N, C-alpha and C. Protein backbone atom coordinates (compact mmCIF):
# COMPACT_ATOMS: atom_id res chain seq x y z
N MET A 1 -12.13 -32.15 5.11
CA MET A 1 -11.84 -30.72 4.95
C MET A 1 -12.70 -29.91 5.92
N LYS A 2 -12.04 -29.06 6.67
CA LYS A 2 -12.72 -28.27 7.68
C LYS A 2 -13.14 -26.91 7.11
N VAL A 3 -13.92 -26.17 7.91
CA VAL A 3 -14.43 -24.87 7.45
C VAL A 3 -14.28 -23.82 8.55
N LYS A 4 -13.79 -22.66 8.14
CA LYS A 4 -13.77 -21.49 9.02
C LYS A 4 -14.73 -20.46 8.42
N ILE A 5 -15.72 -20.09 9.21
CA ILE A 5 -16.64 -19.03 8.78
C ILE A 5 -16.20 -17.76 9.48
N CYS A 6 -15.80 -16.79 8.69
CA CYS A 6 -15.19 -15.58 9.24
C CYS A 6 -16.10 -14.36 9.09
N GLY A 7 -15.81 -13.36 9.91
CA GLY A 7 -16.57 -12.12 9.83
C GLY A 7 -17.92 -12.20 10.51
N LEU A 8 -18.04 -13.08 11.52
CA LEU A 8 -19.31 -13.20 12.24
C LEU A 8 -19.53 -11.98 13.12
N ARG A 9 -20.77 -11.53 13.16
CA ARG A 9 -21.08 -10.32 13.93
C ARG A 9 -22.29 -10.51 14.86
N THR A 10 -23.04 -11.58 14.67
CA THR A 10 -24.24 -11.78 15.49
C THR A 10 -24.26 -13.19 16.08
N LEU A 11 -24.95 -13.33 17.19
CA LEU A 11 -25.09 -14.63 17.82
C LEU A 11 -25.91 -15.56 16.93
N GLU A 12 -26.90 -15.02 16.24
CA GLU A 12 -27.73 -15.83 15.34
C GLU A 12 -26.87 -16.50 14.28
N ALA A 13 -25.98 -15.72 13.67
CA ALA A 13 -25.12 -16.27 12.61
C ALA A 13 -24.13 -17.27 13.18
N ALA A 14 -23.56 -16.96 14.34
CA ALA A 14 -22.59 -17.86 14.96
C ALA A 14 -23.24 -19.19 15.33
N ARG A 15 -24.45 -19.13 15.84
CA ARG A 15 -25.14 -20.37 16.20
C ARG A 15 -25.51 -21.17 14.94
N ALA A 16 -25.87 -20.47 13.88
CA ALA A 16 -26.15 -21.16 12.62
C ALA A 16 -24.90 -21.87 12.13
N ALA A 17 -23.76 -21.20 12.27
CA ALA A 17 -22.49 -21.77 11.82
C ALA A 17 -22.11 -23.00 12.64
N GLU A 18 -22.21 -22.89 13.95
CA GLU A 18 -21.80 -24.03 14.78
C GLU A 18 -22.76 -25.20 14.63
N ARG A 19 -24.05 -24.92 14.51
CA ARG A 19 -25.03 -26.00 14.35
C ARG A 19 -24.90 -26.68 13.00
N ALA A 20 -24.41 -25.94 12.00
CA ALA A 20 -24.22 -26.51 10.67
C ALA A 20 -22.91 -27.29 10.57
N GLY A 21 -22.05 -27.16 11.60
CA GLY A 21 -20.83 -27.95 11.62
C GLY A 21 -19.55 -27.22 11.31
N ALA A 22 -19.55 -25.89 11.37
CA ALA A 22 -18.32 -25.13 11.13
C ALA A 22 -17.29 -25.49 12.21
N ASP A 23 -16.03 -25.54 11.82
CA ASP A 23 -14.96 -25.93 12.74
C ASP A 23 -14.30 -24.72 13.41
N PHE A 24 -14.29 -23.58 12.71
CA PHE A 24 -13.70 -22.35 13.22
C PHE A 24 -14.69 -21.21 13.03
N LEU A 25 -14.82 -20.35 14.04
CA LEU A 25 -15.67 -19.17 13.95
C LEU A 25 -14.78 -17.94 14.07
N GLY A 26 -14.75 -17.10 13.02
CA GLY A 26 -13.83 -15.98 12.98
C GLY A 26 -14.49 -14.64 13.29
N PHE A 27 -13.77 -13.82 14.08
CA PHE A 27 -14.27 -12.51 14.48
C PHE A 27 -13.22 -11.45 14.11
N ILE A 28 -13.62 -10.48 13.31
CA ILE A 28 -12.69 -9.45 12.85
C ILE A 28 -12.56 -8.37 13.92
N MET A 29 -11.37 -8.28 14.48
CA MET A 29 -11.12 -7.33 15.57
C MET A 29 -10.34 -6.11 15.09
N TRP A 30 -10.26 -5.94 13.81
CA TRP A 30 -9.56 -4.80 13.20
C TRP A 30 -10.58 -3.70 12.91
N PRO A 31 -10.50 -2.56 13.58
CA PRO A 31 -11.52 -1.51 13.45
C PRO A 31 -11.76 -0.99 12.04
N GLU A 32 -10.80 -1.13 11.15
CA GLU A 32 -10.96 -0.60 9.80
C GLU A 32 -11.78 -1.50 8.89
N SER A 33 -12.10 -2.68 9.35
CA SER A 33 -12.89 -3.61 8.54
C SER A 33 -14.38 -3.33 8.69
N ARG A 34 -15.12 -3.52 7.63
CA ARG A 34 -16.58 -3.33 7.70
C ARG A 34 -17.22 -4.47 8.49
N ARG A 35 -16.47 -5.53 8.72
CA ARG A 35 -16.99 -6.66 9.50
C ARG A 35 -16.49 -6.61 10.95
N TYR A 36 -15.96 -5.49 11.34
CA TYR A 36 -15.42 -5.34 12.70
C TYR A 36 -16.48 -5.58 13.77
N VAL A 37 -16.07 -6.27 14.84
CA VAL A 37 -16.92 -6.41 16.02
C VAL A 37 -16.13 -5.95 17.24
N SER A 38 -16.80 -5.35 18.17
CA SER A 38 -16.13 -4.91 19.40
C SER A 38 -15.80 -6.11 20.27
N ALA A 39 -14.94 -5.89 21.25
CA ALA A 39 -14.59 -6.96 22.18
C ALA A 39 -15.83 -7.43 22.93
N THR A 40 -16.71 -6.50 23.29
CA THR A 40 -17.93 -6.87 24.00
C THR A 40 -18.81 -7.78 23.15
N GLN A 41 -18.97 -7.41 21.86
CA GLN A 41 -19.77 -8.23 20.96
C GLN A 41 -19.17 -9.62 20.79
N ALA A 42 -17.87 -9.64 20.50
CA ALA A 42 -17.19 -10.91 20.25
C ALA A 42 -17.26 -11.81 21.48
N ALA A 43 -16.97 -11.24 22.65
CA ALA A 43 -16.97 -12.04 23.87
C ALA A 43 -18.35 -12.63 24.15
N SER A 44 -19.40 -11.84 23.96
CA SER A 44 -20.74 -12.34 24.25
C SER A 44 -21.10 -13.52 23.34
N ILE A 45 -20.61 -13.48 22.10
CA ILE A 45 -20.88 -14.58 21.17
C ILE A 45 -20.04 -15.80 21.53
N VAL A 46 -18.74 -15.58 21.76
CA VAL A 46 -17.84 -16.69 22.10
C VAL A 46 -18.32 -17.42 23.35
N PHE A 47 -18.73 -16.67 24.35
CA PHE A 47 -19.17 -17.29 25.60
C PHE A 47 -20.44 -18.12 25.41
N ALA A 48 -21.20 -17.83 24.33
CA ALA A 48 -22.45 -18.54 24.09
C ALA A 48 -22.28 -19.76 23.20
N ILE A 49 -21.08 -19.93 22.63
CA ILE A 49 -20.83 -21.07 21.75
C ILE A 49 -20.90 -22.36 22.55
N GLU A 50 -21.66 -23.31 22.05
CA GLU A 50 -21.87 -24.56 22.77
C GLU A 50 -21.16 -25.75 22.15
N SER A 51 -20.75 -25.62 20.90
CA SER A 51 -20.10 -26.74 20.22
C SER A 51 -18.60 -26.70 20.44
N GLY A 52 -17.90 -27.58 19.76
CA GLY A 52 -16.45 -27.60 19.87
C GLY A 52 -15.76 -26.69 18.87
N ALA A 53 -16.51 -25.83 18.19
CA ALA A 53 -15.91 -24.92 17.22
C ALA A 53 -14.91 -24.00 17.91
N LEU A 54 -13.79 -23.76 17.26
CA LEU A 54 -12.75 -22.91 17.82
C LEU A 54 -12.98 -21.45 17.43
N SER A 55 -12.85 -20.56 18.37
CA SER A 55 -13.02 -19.13 18.10
C SER A 55 -11.69 -18.51 17.69
N VAL A 56 -11.75 -17.68 16.66
CA VAL A 56 -10.54 -17.07 16.10
C VAL A 56 -10.70 -15.56 16.04
N GLY A 57 -9.80 -14.83 16.68
CA GLY A 57 -9.78 -13.38 16.58
C GLY A 57 -8.84 -12.97 15.47
N VAL A 58 -9.30 -12.12 14.57
CA VAL A 58 -8.50 -11.70 13.42
C VAL A 58 -8.01 -10.27 13.63
N PHE A 59 -6.69 -10.09 13.54
CA PHE A 59 -6.07 -8.79 13.79
C PHE A 59 -5.14 -8.42 12.63
N VAL A 60 -4.94 -7.11 12.45
CA VAL A 60 -4.07 -6.61 11.38
C VAL A 60 -3.10 -5.57 11.93
N ASP A 61 -1.85 -5.97 12.13
CA ASP A 61 -0.79 -5.04 12.55
C ASP A 61 -1.18 -4.18 13.75
N GLN A 62 -1.82 -4.79 14.72
CA GLN A 62 -2.23 -4.06 15.92
C GLN A 62 -1.21 -4.27 17.05
N PRO A 63 -1.12 -3.35 18.00
CA PRO A 63 -0.14 -3.46 19.07
C PRO A 63 -0.26 -4.79 19.81
N LEU A 64 0.87 -5.39 20.12
CA LEU A 64 0.88 -6.68 20.77
C LEU A 64 0.09 -6.68 22.07
N GLU A 65 0.27 -5.63 22.88
CA GLU A 65 -0.42 -5.56 24.16
C GLU A 65 -1.93 -5.56 23.98
N GLU A 66 -2.39 -4.88 22.95
CA GLU A 66 -3.82 -4.82 22.66
C GLU A 66 -4.36 -6.19 22.27
N VAL A 67 -3.62 -6.89 21.43
CA VAL A 67 -4.07 -8.20 20.96
C VAL A 67 -4.08 -9.21 22.10
N VAL A 68 -3.06 -9.17 22.94
CA VAL A 68 -3.01 -10.07 24.10
C VAL A 68 -4.22 -9.82 25.00
N ALA A 69 -4.51 -8.56 25.28
CA ALA A 69 -5.63 -8.21 26.16
C ALA A 69 -6.96 -8.67 25.57
N LEU A 70 -7.16 -8.47 24.27
CA LEU A 70 -8.41 -8.87 23.63
C LEU A 70 -8.53 -10.38 23.53
N ALA A 71 -7.41 -11.05 23.30
CA ALA A 71 -7.44 -12.51 23.23
C ALA A 71 -7.91 -13.09 24.57
N ARG A 72 -7.43 -12.51 25.65
CA ARG A 72 -7.82 -12.97 26.98
C ARG A 72 -9.27 -12.61 27.28
N GLN A 73 -9.66 -11.38 26.96
CA GLN A 73 -11.01 -10.91 27.24
C GLN A 73 -12.06 -11.74 26.52
N CYS A 74 -11.77 -12.07 25.27
CA CYS A 74 -12.73 -12.79 24.43
C CYS A 74 -12.55 -14.31 24.49
N ARG A 75 -11.49 -14.74 25.17
CA ARG A 75 -11.19 -16.16 25.30
C ARG A 75 -11.07 -16.85 23.94
N PHE A 76 -10.36 -16.20 23.03
CA PHE A 76 -10.15 -16.80 21.72
C PHE A 76 -9.26 -18.03 21.84
N ASN A 77 -9.57 -19.04 21.03
CA ASN A 77 -8.71 -20.22 20.97
C ASN A 77 -7.50 -19.99 20.06
N ALA A 78 -7.68 -19.12 19.08
CA ALA A 78 -6.61 -18.84 18.13
C ALA A 78 -6.64 -17.39 17.71
N ILE A 79 -5.48 -16.91 17.29
CA ILE A 79 -5.37 -15.55 16.77
C ILE A 79 -4.86 -15.63 15.33
N GLN A 80 -5.56 -14.97 14.44
CA GLN A 80 -5.13 -14.89 13.04
C GLN A 80 -4.47 -13.55 12.80
N LEU A 81 -3.22 -13.59 12.41
CA LEU A 81 -2.45 -12.38 12.11
C LEU A 81 -2.52 -12.15 10.61
N HIS A 82 -3.22 -11.07 10.24
CA HIS A 82 -3.51 -10.84 8.82
C HIS A 82 -2.75 -9.64 8.26
N GLY A 83 -1.72 -9.21 8.99
CA GLY A 83 -0.94 -8.07 8.52
C GLY A 83 0.48 -8.47 8.19
N HIS A 84 1.43 -7.65 8.65
CA HIS A 84 2.84 -7.91 8.37
C HIS A 84 3.60 -8.13 9.68
N GLU A 85 2.98 -8.84 10.59
CA GLU A 85 3.55 -9.08 11.91
C GLU A 85 4.81 -9.96 11.79
N PRO A 86 5.93 -9.55 12.38
CA PRO A 86 7.17 -10.32 12.31
C PRO A 86 7.09 -11.58 13.18
N PRO A 87 7.96 -12.54 12.96
CA PRO A 87 7.94 -13.79 13.72
C PRO A 87 8.01 -13.59 15.23
N GLU A 88 8.82 -12.65 15.68
CA GLU A 88 8.95 -12.45 17.12
C GLU A 88 7.65 -11.95 17.75
N TYR A 89 6.85 -11.26 16.98
CA TYR A 89 5.53 -10.80 17.44
C TYR A 89 4.65 -12.03 17.72
N ALA A 90 4.64 -12.97 16.78
CA ALA A 90 3.82 -14.17 16.93
C ALA A 90 4.29 -15.01 18.11
N GLU A 91 5.58 -15.12 18.28
CA GLU A 91 6.13 -15.89 19.38
C GLU A 91 5.71 -15.31 20.73
N ALA A 92 5.79 -13.98 20.84
CA ALA A 92 5.41 -13.32 22.09
C ALA A 92 3.91 -13.47 22.34
N LEU A 93 3.12 -13.35 21.28
CA LEU A 93 1.67 -13.48 21.41
C LEU A 93 1.28 -14.87 21.87
N ARG A 94 1.87 -15.87 21.28
CA ARG A 94 1.56 -17.25 21.64
C ARG A 94 1.92 -17.52 23.10
N ALA A 95 3.05 -16.98 23.52
CA ALA A 95 3.50 -17.19 24.91
C ALA A 95 2.63 -16.45 25.92
N GLU A 96 2.28 -15.20 25.61
CA GLU A 96 1.56 -14.37 26.57
C GLU A 96 0.05 -14.66 26.62
N ALA A 97 -0.52 -14.99 25.46
CA ALA A 97 -1.98 -15.20 25.42
C ALA A 97 -2.37 -16.67 25.40
N ASP A 98 -1.38 -17.56 25.24
CA ASP A 98 -1.64 -19.00 25.22
C ASP A 98 -2.69 -19.36 24.17
N VAL A 99 -2.42 -18.97 22.93
CA VAL A 99 -3.33 -19.24 21.82
C VAL A 99 -2.57 -19.86 20.65
N ARG A 100 -3.30 -20.50 19.76
CA ARG A 100 -2.72 -20.98 18.51
C ARG A 100 -2.60 -19.78 17.57
N ILE A 101 -1.63 -19.85 16.68
CA ILE A 101 -1.43 -18.75 15.73
C ILE A 101 -1.74 -19.22 14.31
N ILE A 102 -2.54 -18.42 13.63
CA ILE A 102 -2.79 -18.60 12.20
C ILE A 102 -2.16 -17.40 11.50
N LYS A 103 -1.25 -17.63 10.60
CA LYS A 103 -0.61 -16.52 9.89
C LYS A 103 -1.10 -16.45 8.46
N ALA A 104 -1.62 -15.29 8.09
CA ALA A 104 -2.12 -15.08 6.74
C ALA A 104 -1.02 -14.58 5.82
N PHE A 105 -0.96 -15.16 4.64
CA PHE A 105 -0.09 -14.71 3.56
C PHE A 105 -0.97 -14.47 2.35
N ARG A 106 -0.47 -13.68 1.40
CA ARG A 106 -1.25 -13.39 0.19
C ARG A 106 -0.54 -13.97 -1.03
N TRP A 107 -1.32 -14.62 -1.86
CA TRP A 107 -0.72 -15.24 -3.04
C TRP A 107 -0.33 -14.19 -4.07
N ARG A 108 0.89 -14.23 -4.43
CA ARG A 108 1.43 -13.46 -5.54
C ARG A 108 2.77 -14.10 -5.88
N ASP A 109 3.45 -13.57 -6.84
CA ASP A 109 4.65 -14.23 -7.34
C ASP A 109 5.73 -14.46 -6.29
N ASP A 110 5.77 -13.62 -5.24
CA ASP A 110 6.83 -13.77 -4.25
C ASP A 110 6.41 -14.54 -3.01
N PHE A 111 5.25 -15.22 -3.05
CA PHE A 111 4.86 -16.05 -1.91
C PHE A 111 5.86 -17.18 -1.76
N SER A 112 6.28 -17.44 -0.54
CA SER A 112 7.28 -18.46 -0.28
C SER A 112 6.77 -19.46 0.75
N ALA A 113 6.65 -20.71 0.34
CA ALA A 113 6.27 -21.76 1.29
C ALA A 113 7.33 -21.91 2.36
N GLU A 114 8.57 -21.70 2.00
CA GLU A 114 9.66 -21.81 2.97
C GLU A 114 9.49 -20.78 4.09
N ALA A 115 9.16 -19.54 3.71
CA ALA A 115 8.95 -18.50 4.72
C ALA A 115 7.74 -18.83 5.58
N ALA A 116 6.70 -19.36 4.98
CA ALA A 116 5.50 -19.73 5.73
C ALA A 116 5.81 -20.88 6.69
N ASN A 117 6.62 -21.83 6.26
CA ASN A 117 7.01 -22.94 7.12
C ASN A 117 7.83 -22.48 8.32
N ASP A 118 8.65 -21.46 8.09
CA ASP A 118 9.54 -20.96 9.15
C ASP A 118 8.82 -20.06 10.15
N TYR A 119 7.67 -19.52 9.76
CA TYR A 119 6.95 -18.60 10.64
C TYR A 119 6.37 -19.37 11.82
N PRO A 120 6.45 -18.84 13.04
CA PRO A 120 5.96 -19.53 14.23
C PRO A 120 4.43 -19.53 14.33
N ALA A 121 3.81 -20.34 13.51
CA ALA A 121 2.35 -20.44 13.50
C ALA A 121 1.96 -21.90 13.31
N GLU A 122 0.83 -22.27 13.86
CA GLU A 122 0.35 -23.65 13.71
C GLU A 122 -0.31 -23.87 12.35
N LEU A 123 -0.92 -22.82 11.81
CA LEU A 123 -1.61 -22.94 10.53
C LEU A 123 -1.24 -21.77 9.62
N VAL A 124 -1.27 -22.04 8.32
CA VAL A 124 -0.98 -21.02 7.31
C VAL A 124 -2.24 -20.74 6.51
N LEU A 125 -2.60 -19.47 6.41
CA LEU A 125 -3.75 -19.07 5.60
C LEU A 125 -3.25 -18.36 4.35
N LEU A 126 -3.78 -18.75 3.21
CA LEU A 126 -3.38 -18.12 1.95
C LEU A 126 -4.59 -17.41 1.36
N ASP A 127 -4.42 -16.12 1.14
CA ASP A 127 -5.52 -15.26 0.70
C ASP A 127 -5.14 -14.58 -0.61
N THR A 128 -6.10 -13.90 -1.20
CA THR A 128 -5.87 -13.15 -2.43
C THR A 128 -5.14 -11.85 -2.14
N PHE A 129 -4.19 -11.52 -2.99
CA PHE A 129 -3.48 -10.25 -2.86
C PHE A 129 -4.20 -9.17 -3.66
N LYS A 130 -4.44 -8.05 -3.01
CA LYS A 130 -4.94 -6.87 -3.69
C LYS A 130 -4.32 -5.67 -3.01
N LYS A 131 -3.62 -4.88 -3.77
CA LYS A 131 -2.90 -3.74 -3.21
C LYS A 131 -3.83 -2.84 -2.40
N GLY A 132 -3.38 -2.50 -1.19
CA GLY A 132 -4.14 -1.60 -0.34
C GLY A 132 -5.21 -2.27 0.50
N MET A 133 -5.35 -3.61 0.36
CA MET A 133 -6.36 -4.33 1.14
C MET A 133 -5.69 -5.42 1.97
N ALA A 134 -6.10 -5.52 3.23
CA ALA A 134 -5.55 -6.56 4.10
C ALA A 134 -6.23 -7.90 3.86
N GLY A 135 -7.41 -7.87 3.29
CA GLY A 135 -8.16 -9.09 3.04
C GLY A 135 -9.59 -8.73 2.69
N GLY A 136 -10.46 -9.74 2.66
CA GLY A 136 -11.86 -9.47 2.36
C GLY A 136 -12.11 -8.98 0.95
N THR A 137 -11.29 -9.45 0.00
CA THR A 137 -11.43 -8.98 -1.38
C THR A 137 -12.65 -9.60 -2.07
N GLY A 138 -13.05 -10.78 -1.62
CA GLY A 138 -14.15 -11.48 -2.28
C GLY A 138 -13.74 -12.10 -3.60
N LYS A 139 -12.45 -12.12 -3.87
CA LYS A 139 -11.92 -12.64 -5.13
C LYS A 139 -10.98 -13.81 -4.87
N SER A 140 -11.06 -14.82 -5.71
CA SER A 140 -10.13 -15.94 -5.60
C SER A 140 -8.87 -15.61 -6.38
N PHE A 141 -7.80 -16.37 -6.12
CA PHE A 141 -6.56 -16.15 -6.86
C PHE A 141 -6.30 -17.36 -7.77
N ARG A 142 -5.13 -17.40 -8.38
CA ARG A 142 -4.82 -18.43 -9.36
C ARG A 142 -4.42 -19.73 -8.63
N TRP A 143 -5.41 -20.54 -8.30
CA TRP A 143 -5.17 -21.73 -7.50
C TRP A 143 -4.23 -22.72 -8.16
N ARG A 144 -4.44 -22.96 -9.44
CA ARG A 144 -3.59 -23.94 -10.13
C ARG A 144 -2.14 -23.47 -10.16
N GLU A 145 -1.97 -22.20 -10.33
CA GLU A 145 -0.62 -21.63 -10.35
C GLU A 145 0.03 -21.74 -8.98
N ALA A 146 -0.78 -21.63 -7.92
CA ALA A 146 -0.25 -21.68 -6.56
C ALA A 146 0.00 -23.10 -6.07
N ALA A 147 -0.60 -24.08 -6.72
CA ALA A 147 -0.56 -25.46 -6.21
C ALA A 147 0.85 -25.99 -6.03
N LYS A 148 1.73 -25.70 -6.97
CA LYS A 148 3.10 -26.23 -6.87
C LYS A 148 3.80 -25.72 -5.62
N GLU A 149 3.61 -24.43 -5.29
CA GLU A 149 4.26 -23.85 -4.12
C GLU A 149 3.60 -24.33 -2.83
N THR A 150 2.26 -24.42 -2.82
CA THR A 150 1.58 -24.83 -1.58
C THR A 150 1.86 -26.28 -1.23
N GLN A 151 2.24 -27.09 -2.20
CA GLN A 151 2.59 -28.48 -1.92
C GLN A 151 3.83 -28.58 -1.03
N LYS A 152 4.60 -27.50 -0.97
CA LYS A 152 5.81 -27.49 -0.15
C LYS A 152 5.52 -27.13 1.31
N LEU A 153 4.29 -26.73 1.60
CA LEU A 153 3.94 -26.36 2.97
C LEU A 153 3.99 -27.58 3.89
N LYS A 154 4.53 -27.38 5.07
CA LYS A 154 4.61 -28.44 6.07
C LYS A 154 3.56 -28.25 7.16
N LYS A 155 2.74 -27.24 6.99
CA LYS A 155 1.70 -26.93 7.97
C LYS A 155 0.33 -26.97 7.28
N PRO A 156 -0.74 -27.15 8.04
CA PRO A 156 -2.08 -27.17 7.46
C PRO A 156 -2.37 -25.84 6.74
N LEU A 157 -3.03 -25.94 5.60
CA LEU A 157 -3.36 -24.77 4.78
C LEU A 157 -4.83 -24.41 4.90
N LEU A 158 -5.09 -23.15 5.24
CA LEU A 158 -6.44 -22.59 5.18
C LEU A 158 -6.51 -21.75 3.91
N LEU A 159 -7.46 -22.04 3.07
CA LEU A 159 -7.59 -21.32 1.81
C LEU A 159 -8.70 -20.27 1.90
N ALA A 160 -8.35 -19.03 1.62
CA ALA A 160 -9.32 -17.92 1.68
C ALA A 160 -9.35 -17.19 0.34
N GLY A 161 -10.32 -16.30 0.21
CA GLY A 161 -10.39 -15.47 -0.99
C GLY A 161 -11.44 -15.94 -1.96
N GLY A 162 -12.65 -15.38 -1.86
CA GLY A 162 -13.69 -15.69 -2.84
C GLY A 162 -14.23 -17.10 -2.78
N ILE A 163 -14.13 -17.75 -1.63
CA ILE A 163 -14.65 -19.12 -1.50
C ILE A 163 -16.18 -19.09 -1.44
N SER A 164 -16.80 -20.00 -2.17
CA SER A 164 -18.26 -20.08 -2.19
C SER A 164 -18.68 -21.53 -2.40
N ALA A 165 -19.97 -21.78 -2.30
CA ALA A 165 -20.47 -23.14 -2.55
C ALA A 165 -20.19 -23.56 -3.98
N GLU A 166 -20.14 -22.59 -4.88
CA GLU A 166 -19.94 -22.90 -6.30
C GLU A 166 -18.51 -23.34 -6.62
N ASN A 167 -17.53 -22.85 -5.88
CA ASN A 167 -16.14 -23.21 -6.22
C ASN A 167 -15.44 -24.04 -5.14
N ALA A 168 -16.17 -24.44 -4.11
CA ALA A 168 -15.56 -25.20 -3.03
C ALA A 168 -14.95 -26.51 -3.52
N LYS A 169 -15.64 -27.20 -4.41
CA LYS A 169 -15.13 -28.47 -4.94
C LYS A 169 -13.84 -28.25 -5.71
N GLU A 170 -13.81 -27.22 -6.55
CA GLU A 170 -12.60 -26.92 -7.32
C GLU A 170 -11.44 -26.58 -6.39
N ALA A 171 -11.73 -25.80 -5.34
CA ALA A 171 -10.69 -25.44 -4.38
C ALA A 171 -10.12 -26.68 -3.71
N ALA A 172 -11.00 -27.58 -3.31
CA ALA A 172 -10.57 -28.80 -2.63
C ALA A 172 -9.72 -29.68 -3.55
N GLN A 173 -10.14 -29.80 -4.79
CA GLN A 173 -9.42 -30.65 -5.73
C GLN A 173 -8.08 -30.05 -6.15
N THR A 174 -8.01 -28.73 -6.24
CA THR A 174 -6.81 -28.08 -6.74
C THR A 174 -5.72 -27.96 -5.70
N LEU A 175 -6.08 -27.57 -4.47
CA LEU A 175 -5.08 -27.29 -3.45
C LEU A 175 -5.12 -28.23 -2.24
N SER A 176 -6.14 -29.07 -2.16
CA SER A 176 -6.29 -29.99 -1.03
C SER A 176 -6.06 -29.30 0.31
N PRO A 177 -6.76 -28.21 0.58
CA PRO A 177 -6.53 -27.48 1.83
C PRO A 177 -7.04 -28.23 3.05
N PHE A 178 -6.45 -27.91 4.18
CA PHE A 178 -6.91 -28.43 5.46
C PHE A 178 -8.30 -27.87 5.76
N ALA A 179 -8.50 -26.59 5.39
CA ALA A 179 -9.78 -25.93 5.65
C ALA A 179 -10.03 -24.82 4.63
N LEU A 180 -11.30 -24.53 4.43
CA LEU A 180 -11.71 -23.39 3.60
C LEU A 180 -12.14 -22.27 4.54
N ASP A 181 -11.76 -21.04 4.20
CA ASP A 181 -12.12 -19.87 4.98
C ASP A 181 -13.10 -19.06 4.15
N VAL A 182 -14.34 -18.98 4.60
CA VAL A 182 -15.40 -18.36 3.80
C VAL A 182 -16.05 -17.22 4.56
N SER A 183 -16.43 -16.18 3.83
CA SER A 183 -17.06 -15.02 4.48
C SER A 183 -18.09 -14.35 3.57
N GLY A 184 -17.62 -13.59 2.59
CA GLY A 184 -18.51 -12.75 1.80
C GLY A 184 -19.63 -13.47 1.08
N SER A 185 -19.39 -14.69 0.61
CA SER A 185 -20.42 -15.41 -0.14
C SER A 185 -21.58 -15.85 0.74
N LEU A 186 -21.41 -15.71 2.06
CA LEU A 186 -22.46 -16.12 2.99
C LEU A 186 -23.27 -14.93 3.49
N GLU A 187 -23.13 -13.79 2.84
CA GLU A 187 -23.78 -12.57 3.33
C GLU A 187 -24.94 -12.11 2.45
N GLU A 188 -25.86 -11.44 3.09
CA GLU A 188 -26.96 -10.73 2.42
C GLU A 188 -27.04 -9.35 3.04
N ASN A 189 -26.98 -8.33 2.22
CA ASN A 189 -27.02 -6.95 2.71
C ASN A 189 -25.95 -6.68 3.76
N GLY A 190 -24.77 -7.27 3.55
CA GLY A 190 -23.64 -7.00 4.43
C GLY A 190 -23.60 -7.79 5.72
N GLU A 191 -24.57 -8.69 5.94
CA GLU A 191 -24.60 -9.49 7.16
C GLU A 191 -24.68 -10.97 6.81
N LYS A 192 -24.13 -11.81 7.68
CA LYS A 192 -24.17 -13.25 7.45
C LYS A 192 -25.61 -13.75 7.43
N SER A 193 -25.90 -14.60 6.46
CA SER A 193 -27.21 -15.20 6.32
C SER A 193 -27.19 -16.62 6.88
N PRO A 194 -27.97 -16.90 7.92
CA PRO A 194 -28.02 -18.26 8.45
C PRO A 194 -28.36 -19.29 7.38
N GLN A 195 -29.25 -18.93 6.45
CA GLN A 195 -29.63 -19.87 5.39
C GLN A 195 -28.45 -20.15 4.46
N LYS A 196 -27.69 -19.12 4.11
CA LYS A 196 -26.53 -19.32 3.24
C LYS A 196 -25.45 -20.11 3.96
N ILE A 197 -25.32 -19.90 5.25
CA ILE A 197 -24.35 -20.67 6.04
C ILE A 197 -24.73 -22.14 6.00
N ARG A 198 -25.99 -22.44 6.25
CA ARG A 198 -26.44 -23.84 6.24
C ARG A 198 -26.25 -24.47 4.86
N SER A 199 -26.57 -23.72 3.83
CA SER A 199 -26.44 -24.23 2.47
C SER A 199 -24.98 -24.52 2.12
N PHE A 200 -24.09 -23.63 2.51
CA PHE A 200 -22.67 -23.83 2.24
C PHE A 200 -22.16 -25.08 2.96
N MET A 201 -22.53 -25.23 4.22
CA MET A 201 -22.07 -26.38 4.99
C MET A 201 -22.65 -27.69 4.45
N GLU A 202 -23.83 -27.64 3.88
CA GLU A 202 -24.40 -28.83 3.23
C GLU A 202 -23.56 -29.22 2.02
N THR A 203 -23.08 -28.21 1.30
CA THR A 203 -22.21 -28.48 0.15
C THR A 203 -20.91 -29.13 0.62
N ILE A 204 -20.34 -28.61 1.69
CA ILE A 204 -19.10 -29.17 2.22
C ILE A 204 -19.31 -30.60 2.70
N GLU A 205 -20.43 -30.86 3.35
CA GLU A 205 -20.72 -32.22 3.83
C GLU A 205 -20.84 -33.19 2.66
N SER A 206 -21.42 -32.73 1.57
CA SER A 206 -21.54 -33.60 0.39
C SER A 206 -20.17 -33.93 -0.19
N LEU A 207 -19.25 -32.96 -0.15
CA LEU A 207 -17.89 -33.21 -0.64
C LEU A 207 -17.16 -34.19 0.27
N ARG A 208 -17.35 -34.03 1.58
CA ARG A 208 -16.73 -34.95 2.52
C ARG A 208 -17.25 -36.37 2.32
N TYR A 209 -18.53 -36.47 2.08
CA TYR A 209 -19.16 -37.79 1.92
C TYR A 209 -18.64 -38.48 0.66
N LYS A 210 -18.56 -37.70 -0.44
CA LYS A 210 -18.11 -38.27 -1.71
C LYS A 210 -16.66 -38.72 -1.62
N LYS A 211 -15.88 -37.96 -0.81
CA LYS A 211 -14.46 -38.30 -0.69
C LYS A 211 -14.31 -39.62 0.04
């Protein structure tokens, strides 16, 4: 099981994440998020990454031209679309920016694995639904209830929403995700804590070992 640490804002945190073994490093490029980083900030961190961790730019319903330009400027390996971007948007982005696509969906009664399978993305991210919020709720959703539908996915599943060291084992056992997407539980005073990052990754390593 892989790990994406999202909402990184400092080189110290990013280096802690990569040294601890994170597989994906996420950067929020949506200005309305409290975890937003500028292109200059994100690029300086991405360029300093020394491991094989993949950099992911996270966007929410932003103009295609803007996302393409930022993807190139920051040299992101993947783009996470966390809004209501239509399939043709993702297809154009993948072609113009030469990046992998991660499409975020929110769990609620109308979530459709079929729609997620049909969307032109390499990976599917499933997050908690909360009206008026694009993400970052810090709350998990009904995993057991979602398990039947997620079993129909034909693409790797990234599980987001309230992931922490305390519930990582339950998440892994319930939904068998390809990767866990973690953010808020690794913060202190609104910023990523290198110590919490290391502790979380130690928990994940123990789960991998036991498996």
